[in-house]
């Protein structure tokens, strides 16, 4: 921290209204064993910094991989030039944004005890060997990504932050084929992403889960198509991760509501006047922004503008309370938001991003949710998604389906799909699982912004039951 702090203090900050230096350093390793063969290892090391400058109402930023004092000075001068050029042109008067001056040194997730590369590859070999339980498994793979990241933020009003993270992205994939039929089963649809170290990695149980994933791929291969019609829908946490992300997370981003994402990622059916009054879901729906849930993929103590991250309700008892927006969007909209200004690295500005967005559990067991369902389908593990540019009309497909008939789980079905409208889907929520059904999931692939940024998000949820949903199979 001292080297950046010293370099930052040497910049000519007296002639600007505000300045920040955000430095990001990461080391990322990708390991893969496919069909019991170790694939080429991938290692990426990345270091850089961004200078943000405010002059009057204008704002400018510039990024650099040259972290020497002279390199940082040149970036500062470019950012200042942009800030001066944008006076009276910005959509917000940046003088009105009250940037925090937080000081902290935080280890969010340490990666404690992660085995050596050789040991991890041996674990992936064992996992791979356990997948192919049948000749009809024609392709299979076990993968693990590990990223160690450090983020630092220094501000001209006295802020000095350092946060350290360790991200783990495990996956198992089994591809089964017979004649013209192919089915894929994976580890939670690729959403078993966490922060942590050896303890968290061990809890995933890749070796022990591999045979089950192989068996389920074969079972899907032989299963009938999911029936078509209106039925109750029981979504498991790994599919709810996608449902939350697309039909709650993105619609509630304040910059999207303000129209900033219209050119690339679309708009939102949510309007500013809805906050505080709109019925988003049934009274069972409680949704929180929770950056402190241990192990979740987007845990952090401060966002990239230095705002303290606190747990907040976005939706409470079905009513919309606040959106997902950082300091600038809150100032523009005059509406409450959260600490969610985030960037995917040093070469991109912080913008409003989904982080840990979770559904709070209630008191129903999984058995109780199933028992109350006369005719329905249980679905898990997303494999396809489509949603319109206002994040309203959607259609999602899952890897795994199982019929629920007269309160009992019965036939496994393949290619289960469902569709709906965000503005009404969550109002059909009739059952929410308890803490025993609650699982923490995540994804490293949320895309947004111009230029594009791909960022990590977390979504935790219990099992949830929805009434009278439009369900269809792969033959429709």
Protein backbone atom coordinates (compact mmCIF):
# COMPACT_ATOMS: atom_id res chain seq x y z
CA UNK A 1 0.00 0.00 0.00
CA UNK A 2 2.78 2.42 0.84
CA UNK A 3 4.16 2.56 -2.71
CA UNK A 4 0.80 3.58 -4.20
CA UNK A 5 0.03 5.90 -1.31
CA UNK A 6 3.37 7.65 -1.84
CA UNK A 7 2.95 7.94 -5.60
CA UNK A 8 -0.59 9.24 -5.18
CA UNK A 9 0.55 11.90 -2.70
CA UNK A 10 3.09 13.20 -5.22
CA UNK A 11 0.42 14.04 -7.82
CA UNK A 12 -0.56 17.68 -8.22
CA UNK A 13 -3.97 17.30 -6.63
CA UNK A 14 -4.37 20.90 -5.53
CA UNK A 15 -5.92 22.05 -8.82
CA UNK A 16 -8.69 19.44 -8.91
CA UNK A 17 -11.81 19.05 -6.77
CA UNK A 18 -11.39 15.32 -6.22
CA UNK A 19 -9.13 12.52 -7.33
CA UNK A 20 -8.91 8.78 -6.72
CA UNK A 21 -6.41 6.08 -7.59
CA UNK A 22 -7.76 2.52 -7.86
CA UNK A 23 -5.15 -0.21 -8.31
CA UNK A 24 -5.99 -3.85 -9.06
CA UNK A 25 -3.60 -6.80 -9.03
CA UNK A 26 -4.68 -10.36 -9.84
CA UNK A 27 -3.19 -13.77 -10.44
CA UNK A 28 -5.55 -16.28 -12.04
CA UNK A 29 -4.95 -19.97 -12.72
CA UNK A 30 -7.18 -22.27 -14.78
CA UNK A 31 -6.82 -26.05 -14.35
CA UNK A 32 -8.64 -28.63 -16.45
CA UNK A 33 -8.66 -32.40 -16.87
CA UNK A 34 -10.68 -33.57 -19.87
CA UNK A 35 -11.31 -37.24 -20.51
CA UNK A 36 -8.66 -38.02 -17.86
CA UNK A 37 -6.02 -35.95 -19.68
CA UNK A 38 -4.51 -32.80 -18.20
CA UNK A 39 -5.09 -29.86 -20.52
CA UNK A 40 -2.55 -27.03 -20.87
CA UNK A 41 -2.45 -24.94 -17.71
CA UNK A 42 -3.39 -21.27 -17.98
CA UNK A 43 -1.91 -18.53 -15.82
CA UNK A 44 -2.75 -14.84 -16.10
CA UNK A 45 -1.09 -12.09 -14.06
CA UNK A 46 -2.53 -8.60 -14.33
CA UNK A 47 -1.60 -5.29 -12.66
CA UNK A 48 -2.74 -1.75 -13.34
CA UNK A 49 -4.41 1.35 -12.01
CA UNK A 50 -7.07 3.89 -12.89
CA UNK A 51 -7.03 7.59 -11.99
CA UNK A 52 -10.38 9.38 -11.70
CA UNK A 53 -10.44 13.18 -11.54
CA UNK A 54 -13.27 15.64 -10.90
CA UNK A 55 -12.90 19.27 -11.94
CA UNK A 56 -15.99 21.37 -11.36
CA UNK A 57 -18.96 19.37 -12.58
CA UNK A 58 -16.83 17.33 -14.99
CA UNK A 59 -15.30 13.89 -14.51
CA UNK A 60 -12.53 12.08 -16.37
CA UNK A 61 -10.58 8.89 -15.93
CA UNK A 62 -7.54 7.20 -17.43
CA UNK A 63 -6.00 3.78 -16.84
CA UNK A 64 -2.42 2.60 -17.10
CA UNK A 65 -0.33 -0.54 -16.68
CA UNK A 66 2.71 1.65 -16.01
CA UNK A 67 2.66 1.82 -12.20
CA UNK A 68 5.79 3.92 -11.87
CA UNK A 69 5.38 7.47 -10.48
CA UNK A 70 5.79 8.87 -13.99
CA UNK A 71 3.21 6.45 -15.43
CA UNK A 72 0.68 7.35 -12.78
CA UNK A 73 1.37 11.05 -13.32
CA UNK A 74 0.69 10.73 -17.05
CA UNK A 75 -2.60 8.91 -16.35
CA UNK A 76 -3.57 11.64 -13.88
CA UNK A 77 -2.90 14.33 -16.48
CA UNK A 78 -5.04 12.53 -19.07
CA UNK A 79 -7.88 12.08 -16.57
CA UNK A 80 -7.68 15.76 -15.60
CA UNK A 81 -7.84 16.80 -19.24
CA UNK A 82 -10.98 14.73 -19.73
CA UNK A 83 -12.53 16.18 -16.57
CA UNK A 84 -11.90 19.72 -17.77
CA UNK A 85 -13.28 18.87 -21.22
CA UNK A 86 -16.52 17.50 -19.77
CA UNK A 87 -17.41 20.49 -17.60
CA UNK A 88 -21.09 21.31 -18.13
CA UNK A 89 -21.48 18.19 -20.32
CA UNK A 90 -21.96 15.39 -17.75
CA UNK A 91 -25.43 14.04 -16.93
CA UNK A 92 -24.66 14.63 -13.25
CA UNK A 93 -22.89 17.48 -11.46
CA UNK A 94 -20.04 15.52 -9.88
CA UNK A 95 -19.53 18.24 -7.28
CA UNK A 96 -22.76 17.00 -5.68
CA UNK A 97 -21.44 13.45 -5.18
CA UNK A 98 -20.13 13.01 -1.64
CA UNK A 99 -17.31 10.48 -2.02
CA UNK A 100 -16.40 8.65 1.21
CA UNK A 101 -12.93 8.68 2.76
CA UNK A 102 -12.80 5.14 4.12
CA UNK A 103 -9.60 3.66 5.56
CA UNK A 104 -9.27 -0.10 6.03
CA UNK A 105 -7.16 -3.14 5.27
CA UNK A 106 -9.42 -6.18 4.74
CA UNK A 107 -8.85 -9.81 3.87
CA UNK A 108 -12.26 -10.83 2.52
CA UNK A 109 -11.17 -14.36 1.58
CA UNK A 110 -7.63 -15.55 2.04
CA UNK A 111 -7.46 -18.76 0.06
CA UNK A 112 -6.02 -20.41 3.16
CA UNK A 113 -4.65 -23.91 2.68
CA UNK A 114 -5.30 -24.24 -1.04
CA UNK A 115 -3.26 -27.27 -2.18
CA UNK A 116 -0.41 -27.07 -4.65
CA UNK A 117 -1.05 -27.17 -8.38
CA UNK A 118 0.12 -30.80 -8.50
CA UNK A 119 -2.32 -31.76 -5.74
CA UNK A 120 -5.18 -29.90 -7.40
CA UNK A 121 -4.50 -31.63 -10.70
CA UNK A 122 -4.56 -34.99 -8.94
CA UNK A 123 -7.93 -34.09 -7.42
CA UNK A 124 -9.23 -33.16 -10.89
CA UNK A 125 -7.86 -36.44 -12.31
CA UNK A 126 -9.76 -38.41 -9.67
CA UNK A 127 -12.87 -36.37 -10.37
CA UNK A 128 -12.55 -36.93 -14.11
CA UNK A 129 -12.02 -40.68 -13.67
CA UNK A 130 -15.19 -40.89 -11.59
CA UNK A 131 -17.44 -39.21 -14.19
CA UNK A 132 -17.35 -41.71 -17.07
CA UNK A 133 -19.45 -44.45 -15.45
CA UNK A 134 -20.93 -45.63 -18.80
CA UNK A 135 -19.70 -45.90 -22.42
CA UNK A 136 -22.47 -43.49 -23.40
CA UNK A 137 -20.58 -40.73 -21.58
CA UNK A 138 -18.75 -39.45 -24.67
CA UNK A 139 -17.10 -36.36 -23.18
CA UNK A 140 -16.35 -35.29 -19.63
CA UNK A 141 -14.31 -32.68 -17.84
CA UNK A 142 -13.34 -31.44 -14.37
CA UNK A 143 -12.15 -27.84 -14.06
CA UNK A 144 -11.08 -25.39 -11.39
CA UNK A 145 -10.27 -21.71 -11.57
CA UNK A 146 -8.42 -19.92 -8.74
CA UNK A 147 -8.00 -16.15 -8.68
CA UNK A 148 -6.15 -14.16 -6.02
CA UNK A 149 -6.97 -10.46 -6.27
CA UNK A 150 -5.96 -7.31 -4.42
CA UNK A 151 -7.83 -4.01 -4.80
CA UNK A 152 -6.56 -0.70 -3.44
CA UNK A 153 -8.28 2.68 -3.43
CA UNK A 154 -6.76 6.06 -2.46
CA UNK A 155 -8.73 9.29 -2.51
CA UNK A 156 -7.74 12.94 -2.25
CA UNK A 157 -10.02 13.36 0.77
CA UNK A 158 -7.93 10.91 2.81
CA UNK A 159 -9.32 7.47 1.92
CA UNK A 160 -6.97 4.47 1.85
CA UNK A 161 -8.42 0.97 1.29
CA UNK A 162 -6.98 -2.45 0.58
CA UNK A 163 -9.11 -5.57 0.07
CA UNK A 164 -7.89 -9.08 -0.77
CA UNK A 165 -9.93 -11.89 -2.29
CA UNK A 166 -9.63 -15.51 -3.38
CA UNK A 167 -12.19 -16.75 -5.92
CA UNK A 168 -12.84 -20.43 -6.71
CA UNK A 169 -14.74 -21.59 -9.82
CA UNK A 170 -15.10 -25.39 -9.90
CA UNK A 171 -17.13 -27.34 -12.45
CA UNK A 172 -17.84 -30.88 -13.61
CA UNK A 173 -19.36 -31.65 -17.01
CA UNK A 174 -20.65 -34.96 -18.37
CA UNK A 175 -21.92 -35.29 -21.96
CA UNK A 176 -23.99 -38.38 -22.75
CA UNK A 177 -24.95 -39.45 -26.28
CA UNK A 178 -26.95 -42.26 -27.83
CA UNK A 179 -28.08 -42.27 -31.47
CA UNK A 180 -29.21 -38.68 -32.14
CA UNK A 181 -29.78 -37.75 -28.50
CA UNK A 182 -27.29 -35.74 -26.41
CA UNK A 183 -27.71 -34.65 -22.79
CA UNK A 184 -25.38 -32.62 -20.56
CA UNK A 185 -25.20 -32.63 -16.78
CA UNK A 186 -22.92 -30.34 -14.81
CA UNK A 187 -22.07 -29.17 -11.30
CA UNK A 188 -25.03 -26.91 -10.51
CA UNK A 189 -25.02 -25.56 -14.05
CA UNK A 190 -21.63 -23.98 -13.39
CA UNK A 191 -22.88 -21.89 -10.46
CA UNK A 192 -20.91 -23.57 -7.64
CA UNK A 193 -18.66 -20.50 -7.39
CA UNK A 194 -17.37 -19.34 -4.01
CA UNK A 195 -14.81 -17.26 -2.18
CA UNK A 196 -12.49 -19.04 0.22
CA UNK A 197 -9.77 -21.64 0.50
CA UNK A 198 -9.25 -25.34 1.06
CA UNK A 199 -12.19 -25.67 3.47
CA UNK A 200 -14.68 -24.22 1.00
CA UNK A 201 -13.24 -26.24 -1.89
CA UNK A 202 -13.46 -29.45 0.10
CA UNK A 203 -17.09 -28.72 1.00
CA UNK A 204 -18.03 -28.80 -2.70
CA UNK A 205 -16.97 -32.45 -2.83
CA UNK A 206 -16.02 -32.67 -6.49
CA UNK A 207 -14.72 -36.26 -6.37
CA UNK A 208 -17.77 -37.56 -4.51
CA UNK A 209 -20.25 -35.73 -6.76
CA UNK A 210 -18.69 -36.82 -10.06
CA UNK A 211 -20.35 -40.28 -10.31
CA UNK A 212 -23.76 -38.76 -9.58
CA UNK A 213 -23.33 -36.24 -12.40
CA UNK A 214 -22.38 -39.05 -14.77
CA UNK A 215 -25.39 -41.16 -13.70
CA UNK A 216 -27.74 -38.23 -14.11
CA UNK A 217 -26.47 -37.56 -17.64
CA UNK A 218 -27.35 -41.16 -18.57
CA UNK A 219 -30.68 -40.90 -16.78
CA UNK A 220 -31.54 -37.78 -18.79
CA UNK A 221 -30.53 -39.53 -21.99
CA UNK A 222 -33.17 -42.20 -21.35
CA UNK A 223 -35.82 -39.91 -19.85
CA UNK A 224 -39.02 -38.75 -21.57
CA UNK A 225 -39.47 -35.16 -22.65
CA UNK A 226 -40.80 -32.70 -20.09
CA UNK A 227 -44.58 -32.37 -20.59
CA UNK A 228 -46.12 -29.14 -21.83
CA UNK A 229 -48.81 -27.20 -19.97
CA UNK A 230 -49.43 -24.97 -17.00
CA UNK A 231 -48.14 -26.55 -13.80
CA UNK A 232 -46.61 -25.56 -10.49
CA UNK A 233 -42.85 -25.07 -10.67
CA UNK A 234 -40.38 -25.94 -7.91
CA UNK A 235 -37.06 -24.21 -8.60
CA UNK A 236 -33.92 -25.33 -6.79
CA UNK A 237 -31.24 -22.83 -5.71
CA UNK A 238 -28.90 -23.35 -8.67
CA UNK A 239 -31.67 -22.40 -11.13
CA UNK A 240 -32.94 -19.62 -8.88
CA UNK A 241 -29.46 -18.08 -9.19
CA UNK A 242 -30.21 -17.40 -12.87
CA UNK A 243 -33.82 -16.39 -12.18
CA UNK A 244 -32.78 -13.87 -9.51
CA UNK A 245 -30.00 -12.53 -11.69
CA UNK A 246 -32.04 -11.89 -14.81
CA UNK A 247 -35.48 -10.93 -13.47
CA UNK A 248 -34.56 -9.14 -10.22
CA UNK A 249 -30.88 -8.16 -10.37
CA UNK A 250 -30.66 -6.56 -13.81
CA UNK A 251 -34.09 -4.85 -13.72
CA UNK A 252 -33.16 -3.11 -10.44
CA UNK A 253 -29.84 -1.62 -11.65
CA UNK A 254 -30.28 2.13 -11.36
CA UNK A 255 -28.08 3.03 -14.34
CA UNK A 256 -30.17 0.70 -16.49
CA UNK A 257 -33.36 2.35 -15.19
CA UNK A 258 -31.79 5.73 -16.05
CA UNK A 259 -31.17 4.49 -19.62
CA UNK A 260 -27.37 4.21 -19.54
CA UNK A 261 -27.34 0.59 -20.74
CA UNK A 262 -29.88 1.01 -23.54
CA UNK A 263 -27.29 0.64 -26.31
CA UNK A 264 -25.76 -2.60 -25.04
CA UNK A 265 -27.55 -4.50 -22.29
CA UNK A 266 -31.01 -2.97 -22.56
CA UNK A 267 -33.35 -1.09 -20.26
CA UNK A 268 -35.69 -2.16 -17.45
CA UNK A 269 -39.42 -2.50 -16.96
CA UNK A 270 -38.88 -0.87 -13.55
CA UNK A 271 -39.50 2.87 -13.39
CA UNK A 272 -38.22 5.31 -10.71
CA UNK A 273 -41.70 5.95 -9.34
CA UNK A 274 -42.09 2.25 -8.49
CA UNK A 275 -39.66 2.37 -5.55
CA UNK A 276 -41.57 2.27 -2.29
CA UNK A 277 -44.89 1.22 -3.79
CA UNK A 278 -44.56 -1.47 -6.49
CA UNK A 279 -45.74 -5.01 -5.76
CA UNK A 280 -42.80 -6.99 -7.19
CA UNK A 281 -43.73 -10.39 -5.76
CA UNK A 282 -45.94 -12.19 -3.29
CA UNK A 283 -45.63 -11.44 0.42
CA UNK A 284 -43.26 -14.40 0.69
CA UNK A 285 -40.60 -12.63 -1.39
CA UNK A 286 -37.78 -11.03 0.62
CA UNK A 287 -34.72 -10.11 -1.44
CA UNK A 288 -31.54 -8.67 0.05
CA UNK A 289 -28.33 -7.14 -1.17
CA UNK A 290 -25.89 -8.94 1.15
CA UNK A 291 -22.17 -8.36 0.52
CA UNK A 292 -21.20 -10.01 3.81
CA UNK A 293 -22.64 -13.56 3.45
CA UNK A 294 -19.58 -15.72 4.12
CA UNK A 295 -18.19 -17.45 1.06
CA UNK A 296 -20.57 -15.88 -1.44
CA UNK A 297 -18.91 -14.94 -4.71
CA UNK A 298 -19.37 -11.15 -4.55
CA UNK A 299 -18.53 -10.52 -0.90
CA UNK A 300 -16.66 -7.28 -0.18
CA UNK A 301 -16.41 -4.66 2.54
CA UNK A 302 -16.31 -1.58 0.27
CA UNK A 303 -17.25 -1.00 -3.34
CA UNK A 304 -14.86 0.53 -5.88
CA UNK A 305 -15.86 4.07 -4.90
CA UNK A 306 -15.12 3.40 -1.22
CA UNK A 307 -18.73 3.15 -0.08
CA UNK A 308 -19.24 0.81 2.88
CA UNK A 309 -21.11 -2.32 1.81
CA UNK A 310 -24.10 -3.07 4.05
CA UNK A 311 -26.88 -5.61 3.94
CA UNK A 312 -30.06 -3.96 2.65
CA UNK A 313 -33.52 -5.10 1.58
CA UNK A 314 -34.28 -4.58 -2.09
CA UNK A 315 -37.70 -6.22 -1.85
CA UNK A 316 -39.47 -6.81 1.46
CA UNK A 317 -42.71 -8.83 1.75
CA UNK A 318 -43.00 -8.49 -2.01
CA UNK A 319 -42.77 -4.69 -2.13
CA UNK A 320 -39.95 -2.96 -4.00
CA UNK A 321 -37.86 -0.79 -1.65
CA UNK A 322 -34.59 0.16 -3.38
CA UNK A 323 -32.47 -0.41 -6.45
CA UNK A 324 -28.96 -1.57 -7.20
CA UNK A 325 -27.02 1.63 -7.75
CA UNK A 326 -23.91 3.34 -6.39
CA UNK A 327 -23.25 6.93 -5.34
CA UNK A 328 -23.53 8.55 -8.76
CA UNK A 329 -26.78 6.82 -9.75
CA UNK A 330 -28.27 7.57 -6.33
CA UNK A 331 -27.42 11.25 -6.79
CA UNK A 332 -28.89 11.33 -10.30
CA UNK A 333 -32.09 9.50 -9.43
CA UNK A 334 -32.62 10.80 -5.92
CA UNK A 335 -33.41 7.25 -4.82
CA UNK A 336 -31.75 4.89 -2.33
CA UNK A 337 -29.25 2.38 -3.61
CA UNK A 338 -26.44 0.20 -2.29
CA UNK A 339 -22.63 -0.01 -2.36
CA UNK A 340 -22.42 -1.63 -5.79
CA UNK A 341 -20.17 0.56 -7.96
CA UNK A 342 -17.81 -2.15 -9.22
CA UNK A 343 -15.35 -2.72 -12.04
CA UNK A 344 -13.96 -5.92 -13.47
CA UNK A 345 -10.40 -4.60 -13.29
CA UNK A 346 -8.09 -1.63 -13.42
CA UNK A 347 -8.86 -0.72 -17.06
CA UNK A 348 -12.60 -0.17 -16.59
CA UNK A 349 -14.57 2.43 -14.60
CA UNK A 350 -16.81 1.37 -11.73
CA UNK A 351 -20.48 1.16 -12.73
CA UNK A 352 -23.65 -0.15 -11.08
CA UNK A 353 -23.31 -3.94 -10.85
CA UNK A 354 -25.22 -6.82 -9.36
CA UNK A 355 -23.32 -8.26 -6.37
CA UNK A 356 -24.73 -10.74 -3.81
CA UNK A 357 -28.49 -10.65 -4.42
CA UNK A 358 -30.29 -13.27 -2.32
CA UNK A 359 -33.76 -14.58 -1.48
CA UNK A 360 -34.25 -14.92 2.26
CA UNK A 361 -35.41 -18.37 3.49
CA UNK A 362 -38.70 -19.03 5.25
CA UNK A 363 -39.85 -22.13 7.15
CA UNK A 364 -40.98 -24.77 4.61
CA UNK A 365 -38.96 -27.96 4.21
CA UNK A 366 -38.35 -29.38 0.75
CA UNK A 367 -40.63 -32.31 1.58
CA UNK A 368 -43.41 -29.88 2.52
CA UNK A 369 -43.04 -27.93 -0.73
CA UNK A 370 -43.27 -31.17 -2.69
CA UNK A 371 -46.18 -32.52 -0.62
CA UNK A 372 -48.36 -29.47 -1.32
CA UNK A 373 -47.89 -29.81 -5.10
CA UNK A 374 -50.50 -31.86 -6.96
CA UNK A 375 -49.08 -31.41 -10.44
CA UNK A 376 -45.74 -29.76 -10.99
CA UNK A 377 -42.13 -30.01 -12.12
CA UNK A 378 -38.94 -29.65 -10.08
CA UNK A 379 -36.14 -28.04 -12.10
CA UNK A 380 -32.47 -27.44 -11.41
CA UNK A 381 -29.28 -26.27 -13.17
CA UNK A 382 -29.75 -23.70 -15.92
CA UNK A 383 -28.64 -24.56 -19.45
CA UNK A 384 -30.31 -21.87 -21.57
CA UNK A 385 -31.75 -18.42 -21.07
CA UNK A 386 -33.47 -15.72 -23.05
CA UNK A 387 -34.95 -12.45 -21.78
CA UNK A 388 -36.05 -9.29 -23.55
CA UNK A 389 -34.13 -6.02 -23.38
CA UNK A 390 -36.36 -4.63 -20.61
CA UNK A 391 -35.69 -7.73 -18.50
CA UNK A 392 -39.36 -8.63 -18.44
CA UNK A 393 -40.42 -11.48 -20.75
CA UNK A 394 -38.17 -14.52 -20.25
CA UNK A 395 -37.72 -18.16 -21.23
CA UNK A 396 -35.31 -20.43 -19.34
CA UNK A 397 -34.26 -24.05 -19.78
CA UNK A 398 -32.77 -26.44 -17.24
CA UNK A 399 -30.59 -29.53 -17.35
CA UNK A 400 -32.69 -31.55 -14.93
CA UNK A 401 -36.41 -31.97 -14.39
CA UNK A 402 -38.54 -34.25 -12.26
CA UNK A 403 -42.31 -34.51 -12.16
CA UNK A 404 -44.25 -33.92 -8.98
CA UNK A 405 -47.53 -35.83 -8.91
CA UNK A 406 -49.95 -35.83 -6.00
CA UNK A 407 -47.29 -34.61 -3.61
CA UNK A 408 -44.59 -37.09 -4.69
CA UNK A 409 -41.45 -36.81 -6.82
CA UNK A 410 -41.85 -39.24 -9.72
CA UNK A 411 -40.45 -39.40 -13.27
CA UNK A 412 -37.21 -37.72 -14.33
CA UNK A 413 -37.78 -35.66 -17.50
CA UNK A 414 -35.36 -34.07 -19.94
CA UNK A 415 -35.28 -30.64 -21.58
CA UNK A 416 -37.51 -28.90 -19.02
CA UNK A 417 -38.26 -25.27 -19.86
CA UNK A 418 -40.48 -22.55 -18.47
CA UNK A 419 -41.41 -19.00 -19.42
CA UNK A 420 -43.04 -16.01 -17.85
CA UNK A 421 -43.02 -12.27 -17.28
CA UNK A 422 -40.87 -10.81 -14.51
CA UNK A 423 -43.55 -8.29 -13.53
CA UNK A 424 -45.95 -11.11 -12.63
CA UNK A 425 -43.81 -14.24 -12.16
CA UNK A 426 -42.63 -13.40 -8.65
CA UNK A 427 -46.22 -12.73 -7.57
CA UNK A 428 -46.95 -16.42 -8.23
CA UNK A 429 -44.52 -17.42 -5.45
CA UNK A 430 -46.50 -19.66 -3.06
CA UNK A 431 -43.78 -21.45 -1.08
CA UNK A 432 -40.28 -20.61 0.15
CA UNK A 433 -37.92 -23.20 1.60
CA UNK A 434 -36.18 -23.13 4.94
CA UNK A 435 -32.51 -22.77 5.81
CA UNK A 436 -31.89 -26.45 5.02
CA UNK A 437 -32.79 -25.81 1.38
CA UNK A 438 -30.72 -22.60 1.22
CA UNK A 439 -27.62 -22.76 -1.01
CA UNK A 440 -25.01 -20.18 -2.00
CA UNK A 441 -24.28 -19.95 -5.74
CA UNK A 442 -22.49 -17.54 -8.06
CA UNK A 443 -21.27 -16.79 -11.56
CA UNK A 444 -18.15 -15.17 -13.04
CA UNK A 445 -19.89 -14.22 -16.29
CA UNK A 446 -22.18 -11.20 -15.77
CA UNK A 447 -21.69 -8.91 -18.76
CA UNK A 448 -22.55 -5.23 -18.97
CA UNK A 449 -21.15 -1.81 -19.83
CA UNK A 450 -19.52 0.02 -22.73
CA UNK A 451 -16.75 -0.96 -23.08
CA UNK A 452 -17.85 -4.38 -21.93
CA UNK A 453 -17.09 -5.68 -18.44
CA UNK A 454 -17.57 -9.27 -17.22
CA UNK A 455 -17.84 -9.50 -13.45
CA UNK A 456 -18.47 -11.94 -10.59
CA UNK A 457 -21.88 -12.11 -8.92
CA UNK A 458 -23.40 -14.17 -6.10
CA UNK A 459 -26.93 -15.45 -5.63
CA UNK A 460 -28.15 -17.49 -2.66
CA UNK A 461 -31.66 -18.85 -2.26
CA UNK A 462 -33.80 -21.59 -0.76
CA UNK A 463 -36.03 -23.82 -2.89
CA UNK A 464 -39.05 -21.82 -4.13
CA UNK A 465 -42.45 -22.98 -5.38
CA UNK A 466 -44.41 -21.03 -8.01
CA UNK A 467 -48.03 -21.60 -9.01
CA UNK A 468 -49.45 -22.10 -12.51
CA UNK A 469 -46.35 -21.55 -14.65
CA UNK A 470 -46.12 -22.08 -18.41
CA UNK A 471 -43.89 -25.19 -18.74
CA UNK A 472 -42.80 -26.99 -21.91
CA UNK A 473 -40.44 -29.67 -23.17
CA UNK A 474 -37.71 -29.78 -25.79
CA UNK A 475 -40.05 -31.02 -28.53
CA UNK A 476 -42.07 -27.80 -28.53
